[in-house]
């Protein structure tokens, strides 16, 4: 009798493909189910997400290479910290890259497609639950990655994906504290209209406006919550 549950569990593990498992674990890092600086291991990931040890090992190696996990000793790996410096660096890098990426990509995008993708980021009502918050964050990431893909520089796309995953971690803090995204729907709509016109200077201005206002609002939200003053930026329990 004891062998049946074990075999069934093994079957479930082998049926989870690596890409799906990676997405689920990345979602857990974003939503702090795997919190900043939390210890992780093959065993922990295997038990939490019902994946094989081989899949867990491969994902740990990938996330470590992308700096979402950090090895602090040969036996200890932790979720990468999330600090104020990370927030400031993330915004600084996106301010350098995204205005030019969006301006370069504007002439290549399908207007109907970009409008549909933009609608997915709409957040006119308060974000009341984690599932809704995660959907919005993923829609925002998808929109920004899609624009980078139109430029057709593979290395740039790789960088943007990693940068956007960090952005999701950062924006999660704001959404949980304020039940909305850190940028306004009006700003996002103005950006899409500029993209449709292929107005390069206006595109750069709108992207910079979105990033600057988001950074200001997010930092204000952090500074207003005493419980956030710690080495790692974590949502208070």
C-alpha atoms as a PDB file:
ATOM      1  CA  UNK A   1       0.000   0.000   0.000  1.00  0.00           C
ATOM      2  CA  UNK A   2       2.835   2.404   0.764  1.00  0.00           C
ATOM      3  CA  UNK A   3       4.204   2.193  -2.786  1.00  0.00           C
ATOM      4  CA  UNK A   4       1.116   3.510  -4.563  1.00  0.00           C
ATOM      5  CA  UNK A   5       1.167   7.119  -3.233  1.00  0.00           C
ATOM      6  CA  UNK A   6       4.907   7.299  -3.881  1.00  0.00           C
ATOM      7  CA  UNK A   7       4.511   6.140  -7.467  1.00  0.00           C
ATOM      8  CA  UNK A   8       1.623   8.516  -8.052  1.00  0.00           C
ATOM      9  CA  UNK A   9       3.646  11.426  -6.721  1.00  0.00           C
ATOM     10  CA  UNK A  10       6.548  10.472  -8.957  1.00  0.00           C
ATOM     11  CA  UNK A  11       4.193  10.451 -11.930  1.00  0.00           C
ATOM     12  CA  UNK A  12       2.957  13.958 -11.112  1.00  0.00           C
ATOM     13  CA  UNK A  13       6.518  15.208 -10.831  1.00  0.00           C
ATOM     14  CA  UNK A  14       7.602  13.758 -14.152  1.00  0.00           C
ATOM     15  CA  UNK A  15       4.577  15.314 -15.867  1.00  0.00           C
ATOM     16  CA  UNK A  16       5.569  18.906 -14.956  1.00  0.00           C
ATOM     17  CA  UNK A  17       7.670  20.435 -17.710  1.00  0.00           C
ATOM     18  CA  UNK A  18      10.603  22.626 -16.777  1.00  0.00           C
ATOM     19  CA  UNK A  19       9.190  25.795 -18.346  1.00  0.00           C
ATOM     20  CA  UNK A  20       5.958  25.550 -16.357  1.00  0.00           C
ATOM     21  CA  UNK A  21       7.858  24.752 -13.170  1.00  0.00           C
ATOM     22  CA  UNK A  22      10.155  27.732 -13.735  1.00  0.00           C
ATOM     23  CA  UNK A  23       7.159  30.059 -14.153  1.00  0.00           C
ATOM     24  CA  UNK A  24       5.518  28.772 -10.965  1.00  0.00           C
ATOM     25  CA  UNK A  25       8.705  29.207  -8.936  1.00  0.00           C
ATOM     26  CA  UNK A  26       9.327  32.661 -10.399  1.00  0.00           C
ATOM     27  CA  UNK A  27       5.753  33.604  -9.444  1.00  0.00           C
ATOM     28  CA  UNK A  28       6.499  32.445  -5.896  1.00  0.00           C
ATOM     29  CA  UNK A  29       9.559  34.704  -5.762  1.00  0.00           C
ATOM     30  CA  UNK A  30       7.554  37.657  -7.104  1.00  0.00           C
ATOM     31  CA  UNK A  31       4.696  37.152  -4.623  1.00  0.00           C
ATOM     32  CA  UNK A  32       7.118  36.459  -1.742  1.00  0.00           C
ATOM     33  CA  UNK A  33       5.834  32.957  -1.112  1.00  0.00           C
ATOM     34  CA  UNK A  34       9.549  32.445  -1.469  1.00  0.00           C
ATOM     35  CA  UNK A  35      10.553  35.587   0.411  1.00  0.00           C
ATOM     36  CA  UNK A  36      13.733  37.627  -0.085  1.00  0.00           C
ATOM     37  CA  UNK A  37      16.707  35.910   1.598  1.00  0.00           C
ATOM     38  CA  UNK A  38      14.670  32.756   2.336  1.00  0.00           C
ATOM     39  CA  UNK A  39      16.715  29.571   2.186  1.00  0.00           C
ATOM     40  CA  UNK A  40      15.920  27.266  -0.729  1.00  0.00           C
ATOM     41  CA  UNK A  41      17.146  23.846  -1.770  1.00  0.00           C
ATOM     42  CA  UNK A  42      16.284  21.055  -4.178  1.00  0.00           C
ATOM     43  CA  UNK A  43      14.324  19.361  -1.401  1.00  0.00           C
ATOM     44  CA  UNK A  44      12.375  22.524  -0.548  1.00  0.00           C
ATOM     45  CA  UNK A  45      11.414  23.185  -4.171  1.00  0.00           C
ATOM     46  CA  UNK A  46      10.568  19.521  -4.744  1.00  0.00           C
ATOM     47  CA  UNK A  47       8.193  19.469  -1.773  1.00  0.00           C
ATOM     48  CA  UNK A  48       6.650  22.913  -2.348  1.00  0.00           C
ATOM     49  CA  UNK A  49       5.971  22.551  -6.055  1.00  0.00           C
ATOM     50  CA  UNK A  50       5.804  18.762  -6.539  1.00  0.00           C
ATOM     51  CA  UNK A  51       8.552  18.662  -9.142  1.00  0.00           C
ATOM     52  CA  UNK A  52      11.405  16.246  -9.596  1.00  0.00           C
ATOM     53  CA  UNK A  53      14.798  16.836  -8.006  1.00  0.00           C
ATOM     54  CA  UNK A  54      16.336  17.077 -11.470  1.00  0.00           C
ATOM     55  CA  UNK A  55      13.889  19.822 -12.464  1.00  0.00           C
ATOM     56  CA  UNK A  56      14.462  21.609  -9.146  1.00  0.00           C
ATOM     57  CA  UNK A  57      18.224  21.435  -9.615  1.00  0.00           C
ATOM     58  CA  UNK A  58      18.059  22.787 -13.164  1.00  0.00           C
ATOM     59  CA  UNK A  59      15.775  25.656 -12.166  1.00  0.00           C
ATOM     60  CA  UNK A  60      17.983  26.556  -9.212  1.00  0.00           C
ATOM     61  CA  UNK A  61      20.963  26.745 -11.568  1.00  0.00           C
ATOM     62  CA  UNK A  62      19.012  28.942 -13.983  1.00  0.00           C
ATOM     63  CA  UNK A  63      17.704  31.272 -11.279  1.00  0.00           C
ATOM     64  CA  UNK A  64      21.180  31.537  -9.743  1.00  0.00           C
ATOM     65  CA  UNK A  65      22.647  32.491 -13.124  1.00  0.00           C
ATOM     66  CA  UNK A  66      19.944  35.154 -13.427  1.00  0.00           C
ATOM     67  CA  UNK A  67      20.666  36.342  -9.854  1.00  0.00           C
ATOM     68  CA  UNK A  68      17.184  35.588  -8.499  1.00  0.00           C
ATOM     69  CA  UNK A  69      18.868  33.030  -6.227  1.00  0.00           C
ATOM     70  CA  UNK A  70      22.257  33.545  -4.586  1.00  0.00           C
ATOM     71  CA  UNK A  71      24.681  30.945  -3.252  1.00  0.00           C
ATOM     72  CA  UNK A  72      26.011  32.117   0.098  1.00  0.00           C
ATOM     73  CA  UNK A  73      28.032  28.933   0.716  1.00  0.00           C
ATOM     74  CA  UNK A  74      28.494  25.540  -0.976  1.00  0.00           C
ATOM     75  CA  UNK A  75      25.508  24.226   1.006  1.00  0.00           C
ATOM     76  CA  UNK A  76      23.252  27.273   1.315  1.00  0.00           C
ATOM     77  CA  UNK A  77      21.281  29.042  -1.415  1.00  0.00           C
ATOM     78  CA  UNK A  78      18.820  31.835  -0.731  1.00  0.00           C
ATOM     79  CA  UNK A  79      16.316  33.910  -2.647  1.00  0.00           C
ATOM     80  CA  UNK A  80      18.092  37.057  -3.775  1.00  0.00           C
ATOM     81  CA  UNK A  81      17.612  40.001  -1.399  1.00  0.00           C
ATOM     82  CA  UNK A  82      15.333  42.860  -2.439  1.00  0.00           C
ATOM     83  CA  UNK A  83      16.634  46.215  -1.224  1.00  0.00           C
ATOM     84  CA  UNK A  84      16.223  49.912  -1.871  1.00  0.00           C
ATOM     85  CA  UNK A  85      19.394  49.767  -3.959  1.00  0.00           C
ATOM     86  CA  UNK A  86      17.796  47.098  -6.150  1.00  0.00           C
ATOM     87  CA  UNK A  87      14.760  49.343  -6.637  1.00  0.00           C
ATOM     88  CA  UNK A  88      16.851  52.350  -7.614  1.00  0.00           C
ATOM     89  CA  UNK A  89      19.094  50.338  -9.938  1.00  0.00           C
ATOM     90  CA  UNK A  90      16.094  48.754 -11.640  1.00  0.00           C
ATOM     91  CA  UNK A  91      14.507  52.124 -12.393  1.00  0.00           C
ATOM     92  CA  UNK A  92      17.834  53.615 -13.514  1.00  0.00           C
ATOM     93  CA  UNK A  93      18.412  50.804 -16.004  1.00  0.00           C
ATOM     94  CA  UNK A  94      14.870  50.910 -17.359  1.00  0.00           C
ATOM     95  CA  UNK A  95      15.085  54.684 -17.810  1.00  0.00           C
ATOM     96  CA  UNK A  96      18.182  54.155 -19.954  1.00  0.00           C
ATOM     97  CA  UNK A  97      16.789  51.291 -22.042  1.00  0.00           C
ATOM     98  CA  UNK A  98      13.030  51.497 -22.379  1.00  0.00           C
ATOM     99  CA  UNK A  99      12.574  54.948 -23.954  1.00  0.00           C
ATOM    100  CA  UNK A 100      14.894  53.976 -26.813  1.00  0.00           C
ATOM    101  CA  UNK A 101      13.478  50.446 -27.142  1.00  0.00           C
ATOM    102  CA  UNK A 102       9.907  51.729 -27.420  1.00  0.00           C
ATOM    103  CA  UNK A 103      10.902  54.429 -29.896  1.00  0.00           C
ATOM    104  CA  UNK A 104      12.770  51.899 -32.065  1.00  0.00           C
ATOM    105  CA  UNK A 105       9.954  49.350 -31.904  1.00  0.00           C
ATOM    106  CA  UNK A 106       7.032  51.672 -32.644  1.00  0.00           C
ATOM    107  CA  UNK A 107       7.195  51.332 -36.423  1.00  0.00           C
ATOM    108  CA  UNK A 108       7.160  47.518 -36.164  1.00  0.00           C
ATOM    109  CA  UNK A 109       4.184  46.893 -33.877  1.00  0.00           C
ATOM    110  CA  UNK A 110       0.704  45.828 -34.871  1.00  0.00           C
ATOM    111  CA  UNK A 111      -1.586  48.545 -33.528  1.00  0.00           C
ATOM    112  CA  UNK A 112      -4.502  46.230 -32.781  1.00  0.00           C
ATOM    113  CA  UNK A 113      -2.246  43.805 -30.941  1.00  0.00           C
ATOM    114  CA  UNK A 114      -0.566  46.476 -28.855  1.00  0.00           C
ATOM    115  CA  UNK A 115      -3.975  47.903 -27.932  1.00  0.00           C
ATOM    116  CA  UNK A 116      -5.191  44.471 -26.794  1.00  0.00           C
ATOM    117  CA  UNK A 117      -2.066  43.918 -24.736  1.00  0.00           C
ATOM    118  CA  UNK A 118      -2.437  47.353 -23.192  1.00  0.00           C
ATOM    119  CA  UNK A 119      -6.021  46.578 -22.175  1.00  0.00           C
ATOM    120  CA  UNK A 120      -4.684  43.657 -20.124  1.00  0.00           C
ATOM    121  CA  UNK A 121      -2.792  46.160 -17.961  1.00  0.00           C
ATOM    122  CA  UNK A 122      -5.945  48.153 -17.181  1.00  0.00           C
ATOM    123  CA  UNK A 123      -6.420  48.605 -13.440  1.00  0.00           C
ATOM    124  CA  UNK A 124      -9.329  50.981 -12.941  1.00  0.00           C
ATOM    125  CA  UNK A 125     -10.630  49.032  -9.921  1.00  0.00           C
ATOM    126  CA  UNK A 126      -8.745  48.227  -6.705  1.00  0.00           C
ATOM    127  CA  UNK A 127      -6.602  45.097  -6.846  1.00  0.00           C
ATOM    128  CA  UNK A 128      -8.164  43.039  -4.076  1.00  0.00           C
ATOM    129  CA  UNK A 129      -6.477  39.638  -4.405  1.00  0.00           C
ATOM    130  CA  UNK A 130      -3.093  38.142  -5.202  1.00  0.00           C
ATOM    131  CA  UNK A 131      -4.243  36.421  -8.390  1.00  0.00           C
ATOM    132  CA  UNK A 132      -5.458  39.728  -9.843  1.00  0.00           C
ATOM    133  CA  UNK A 133      -2.227  41.440  -8.818  1.00  0.00           C
ATOM    134  CA  UNK A 134      -0.100  38.762 -10.461  1.00  0.00           C
ATOM    135  CA  UNK A 135      -2.141  38.929 -13.684  1.00  0.00           C
ATOM    136  CA  UNK A 136      -1.567  42.683 -13.903  1.00  0.00           C
ATOM    137  CA  UNK A 137       2.156  42.343 -13.269  1.00  0.00           C
ATOM    138  CA  UNK A 138       2.475  39.649 -15.925  1.00  0.00           C
ATOM    139  CA  UNK A 139       0.488  41.728 -18.414  1.00  0.00           C
ATOM    140  CA  UNK A 140       2.803  44.682 -17.794  1.00  0.00           C
ATOM    141  CA  UNK A 141       5.845  42.453 -18.261  1.00  0.00           C
ATOM    142  CA  UNK A 142       4.413  40.935 -21.445  1.00  0.00           C
ATOM    143  CA  UNK A 143       3.756  44.392 -22.892  1.00  0.00           C
ATOM    144  CA  UNK A 144       7.324  45.564 -22.232  1.00  0.00           C
ATOM    145  CA  UNK A 145       8.965  42.339 -23.418  1.00  0.00           C
ATOM    146  CA  UNK A 146       6.845  42.396 -26.584  1.00  0.00           C
ATOM    147  CA  UNK A 147       8.134  45.879 -27.409  1.00  0.00           C
ATOM    148  CA  UNK A 148      11.715  44.706 -26.919  1.00  0.00           C
ATOM    149  CA  UNK A 149      11.075  41.704 -29.180  1.00  0.00           C
ATOM    150  CA  UNK A 150      10.165  44.041 -32.051  1.00  0.00           C
ATOM    151  CA  UNK A 151      13.723  45.408 -31.987  1.00  0.00           C
ATOM    152  CA  UNK A 152      14.960  41.859 -32.711  1.00  0.00           C
ATOM    153  CA  UNK A 153      18.188  41.985 -30.678  1.00  0.00           C
ATOM    154  CA  UNK A 154      18.309  38.585 -28.887  1.00  0.00           C
ATOM    155  CA  UNK A 155      20.697  39.693 -26.150  1.00  0.00           C
ATOM    156  CA  UNK A 156      18.608  42.780 -25.458  1.00  0.00           C
ATOM    157  CA  UNK A 157      15.448  40.656 -25.179  1.00  0.00           C
ATOM    158  CA  UNK A 158      17.216  38.408 -22.653  1.00  0.00           C
ATOM    159  CA  UNK A 159      18.210  41.439 -20.555  1.00  0.00           C
ATOM    160  CA  UNK A 160      14.720  42.908 -20.690  1.00  0.00           C
ATOM    161  CA  UNK A 161      13.118  39.651 -19.547  1.00  0.00           C
ATOM    162  CA  UNK A 162      15.387  39.534 -16.519  1.00  0.00           C
ATOM    163  CA  UNK A 163      14.858  43.229 -15.809  1.00  0.00           C
ATOM    164  CA  UNK A 164      11.078  42.814 -16.046  1.00  0.00           C
ATOM    165  CA  UNK A 165      11.092  39.863 -13.634  1.00  0.00           C
ATOM    166  CA  UNK A 166      12.850  42.112 -11.123  1.00  0.00           C
ATOM    167  CA  UNK A 167      10.303  44.834 -11.897  1.00  0.00           C
ATOM    168  CA  UNK A 168       7.529  42.387 -10.990  1.00  0.00           C
ATOM    169  CA  UNK A 169       9.171  41.769  -7.609  1.00  0.00           C
ATOM    170  CA  UNK A 170       9.373  45.510  -6.990  1.00  0.00           C
ATOM    171  CA  UNK A 171       5.870  46.402  -8.218  1.00  0.00           C
ATOM    172  CA  UNK A 172       4.406  43.606  -6.089  1.00  0.00           C
ATOM    173  CA  UNK A 173       5.302  45.668  -3.020  1.00  0.00           C
ATOM    174  CA  UNK A 174       3.348  48.669  -4.280  1.00  0.00           C
ATOM    175  CA  UNK A 175       0.319  46.676  -5.418  1.00  0.00           C
ATOM    176  CA  UNK A 176       0.075  44.930  -2.042  1.00  0.00           C
ATOM    177  CA  UNK A 177       0.365  48.192  -0.128  1.00  0.00           C
ATOM    178  CA  UNK A 178      -1.870  50.345  -2.346  1.00  0.00           C
ATOM    179  CA  UNK A 179      -4.073  47.901  -4.288  1.00  0.00           C
ATOM    180  CA  UNK A 180      -3.147  49.480  -7.626  1.00  0.00           C
ATOM    181  CA  UNK A 181      -0.211  49.676 -10.021  1.00  0.00           C
ATOM    182  CA  UNK A 182       2.307  52.496  -9.494  1.00  0.00           C
ATOM    183  CA  UNK A 183       1.557  54.119 -12.863  1.00  0.00           C
ATOM    184  CA  UNK A 184      -1.747  55.553 -14.027  1.00  0.00           C
ATOM    185  CA  UNK A 185      -3.928  54.157 -16.780  1.00  0.00           C
ATOM    186  CA  UNK A 186      -3.914  57.598 -18.424  1.00  0.00           C
ATOM    187  CA  UNK A 187      -0.113  57.525 -18.714  1.00  0.00           C
ATOM    188  CA  UNK A 188      -0.179  54.062 -20.274  1.00  0.00           C
ATOM    189  CA  UNK A 189      -2.917  55.030 -22.736  1.00  0.00           C
ATOM    190  CA  UNK A 190      -0.971  58.152 -23.775  1.00  0.00           C
ATOM    191  CA  UNK A 191       2.071  55.972 -24.433  1.00  0.00           C
ATOM    192  CA  UNK A 192       0.103  53.620 -26.696  1.00  0.00           C
ATOM    193  CA  UNK A 193      -1.279  56.553 -28.671  1.00  0.00           C
ATOM    194  CA  UNK A 194       2.264  57.873 -29.164  1.00  0.00           C
ATOM    195  CA  UNK A 195       3.372  54.408 -30.333  1.00  0.00           C
ATOM    196  CA  UNK A 196       0.548  54.305 -32.875  1.00  0.00           C
ATOM    197  CA  UNK A 197       1.682  57.678 -34.252  1.00  0.00           C
ATOM    198  CA  UNK A 198       5.308  56.487 -34.272  1.00  0.00           C
ATOM    199  CA  UNK A 199       6.163  59.778 -32.584  1.00  0.00           C
ATOM    200  CA  UNK A 200       9.633  59.022 -31.251  1.00  0.00           C
ATOM    201  CA  UNK A 201      10.123  62.055 -29.032  1.00  0.00           C
ATOM    202  CA  UNK A 202       6.643  61.705 -27.529  1.00  0.00           C
ATOM    203  CA  UNK A 203       7.219  57.987 -26.950  1.00  0.00           C
ATOM    204  CA  UNK A 204      10.441  58.662 -25.070  1.00  0.00           C
ATOM    205  CA  UNK A 205       8.729  61.365 -23.017  1.00  0.00           C
ATOM    206  CA  UNK A 206       5.770  59.135 -22.101  1.00  0.00           C
ATOM    207  CA  UNK A 207       7.981  56.176 -21.140  1.00  0.00           C
ATOM    208  CA  UNK A 208      10.161  58.389 -18.964  1.00  0.00           C
ATOM    209  CA  UNK A 209       7.064  59.929 -17.363  1.00  0.00           C
ATOM    210  CA  UNK A 210       5.666  56.484 -16.505  1.00  0.00           C
ATOM    211  CA  UNK A 211       8.953  55.301 -15.010  1.00  0.00           C
ATOM    212  CA  UNK A 212       9.623  58.506 -13.055  1.00  0.00           C
ATOM    213  CA  UNK A 213       6.145  58.674 -11.538  1.00  0.00           C
ATOM    214  CA  UNK A 214       6.234  54.949 -10.733  1.00  0.00           C
ATOM    215  CA  UNK A 215       9.595  55.289  -9.006  1.00  0.00           C
ATOM    216  CA  UNK A 216       8.431  58.280  -6.954  1.00  0.00           C
ATOM    217  CA  UNK A 217       5.211  56.578  -5.871  1.00  0.00           C
ATOM    218  CA  UNK A 218       6.925  53.324  -5.023  1.00  0.00           C
ATOM    219  CA  UNK A 219       9.657  54.923  -2.930  1.00  0.00           C
ATOM    220  CA  UNK A 220       7.082  57.087  -1.134  1.00  0.00           C
ATOM    221  CA  UNK A 221       5.062  53.959  -0.332  1.00  0.00           C
ATOM    222  CA  UNK A 222       8.117  52.209   1.069  1.00  0.00           C
ATOM    223  CA  UNK A 223       9.167  55.182   3.197  1.00  0.00           C
ATOM    224  CA  UNK A 224       5.634  55.564   4.595  1.00  0.00           C
ATOM    225  CA  UNK A 225       5.583  52.007   5.966  1.00  0.00           C
ATOM    226  CA  UNK A 226       7.787  51.644   9.047  1.00  0.00           C
ATOM    227  CA  UNK A 227       7.650  47.854   8.748  1.00  0.00           C
ATOM    228  CA  UNK A 228       9.441  48.088   5.413  1.00  0.00           C
ATOM    229  CA  UNK A 229      12.579  49.515   7.006  1.00  0.00           C
ATOM    230  CA  UNK A 230      14.762  46.435   6.975  1.00  0.00           C
ATOM    231  CA  UNK A 231      17.528  44.928   4.886  1.00  0.00           C
ATOM    232  CA  UNK A 232      14.971  43.127   2.704  1.00  0.00           C
ATOM    233  CA  UNK A 233      11.829  44.764   1.395  1.00  0.00           C
ATOM    234  CA  UNK A 234       9.088  42.383   2.462  1.00  0.00           C
ATOM    235  CA  UNK A 235       5.340  42.721   2.722  1.00  0.00           C
ATOM    236  CA  UNK A 236       4.499  42.819   6.470  1.00  0.00           C
ATOM    237  CA  UNK A 237       2.726  39.703   7.700  1.00  0.00           C
END
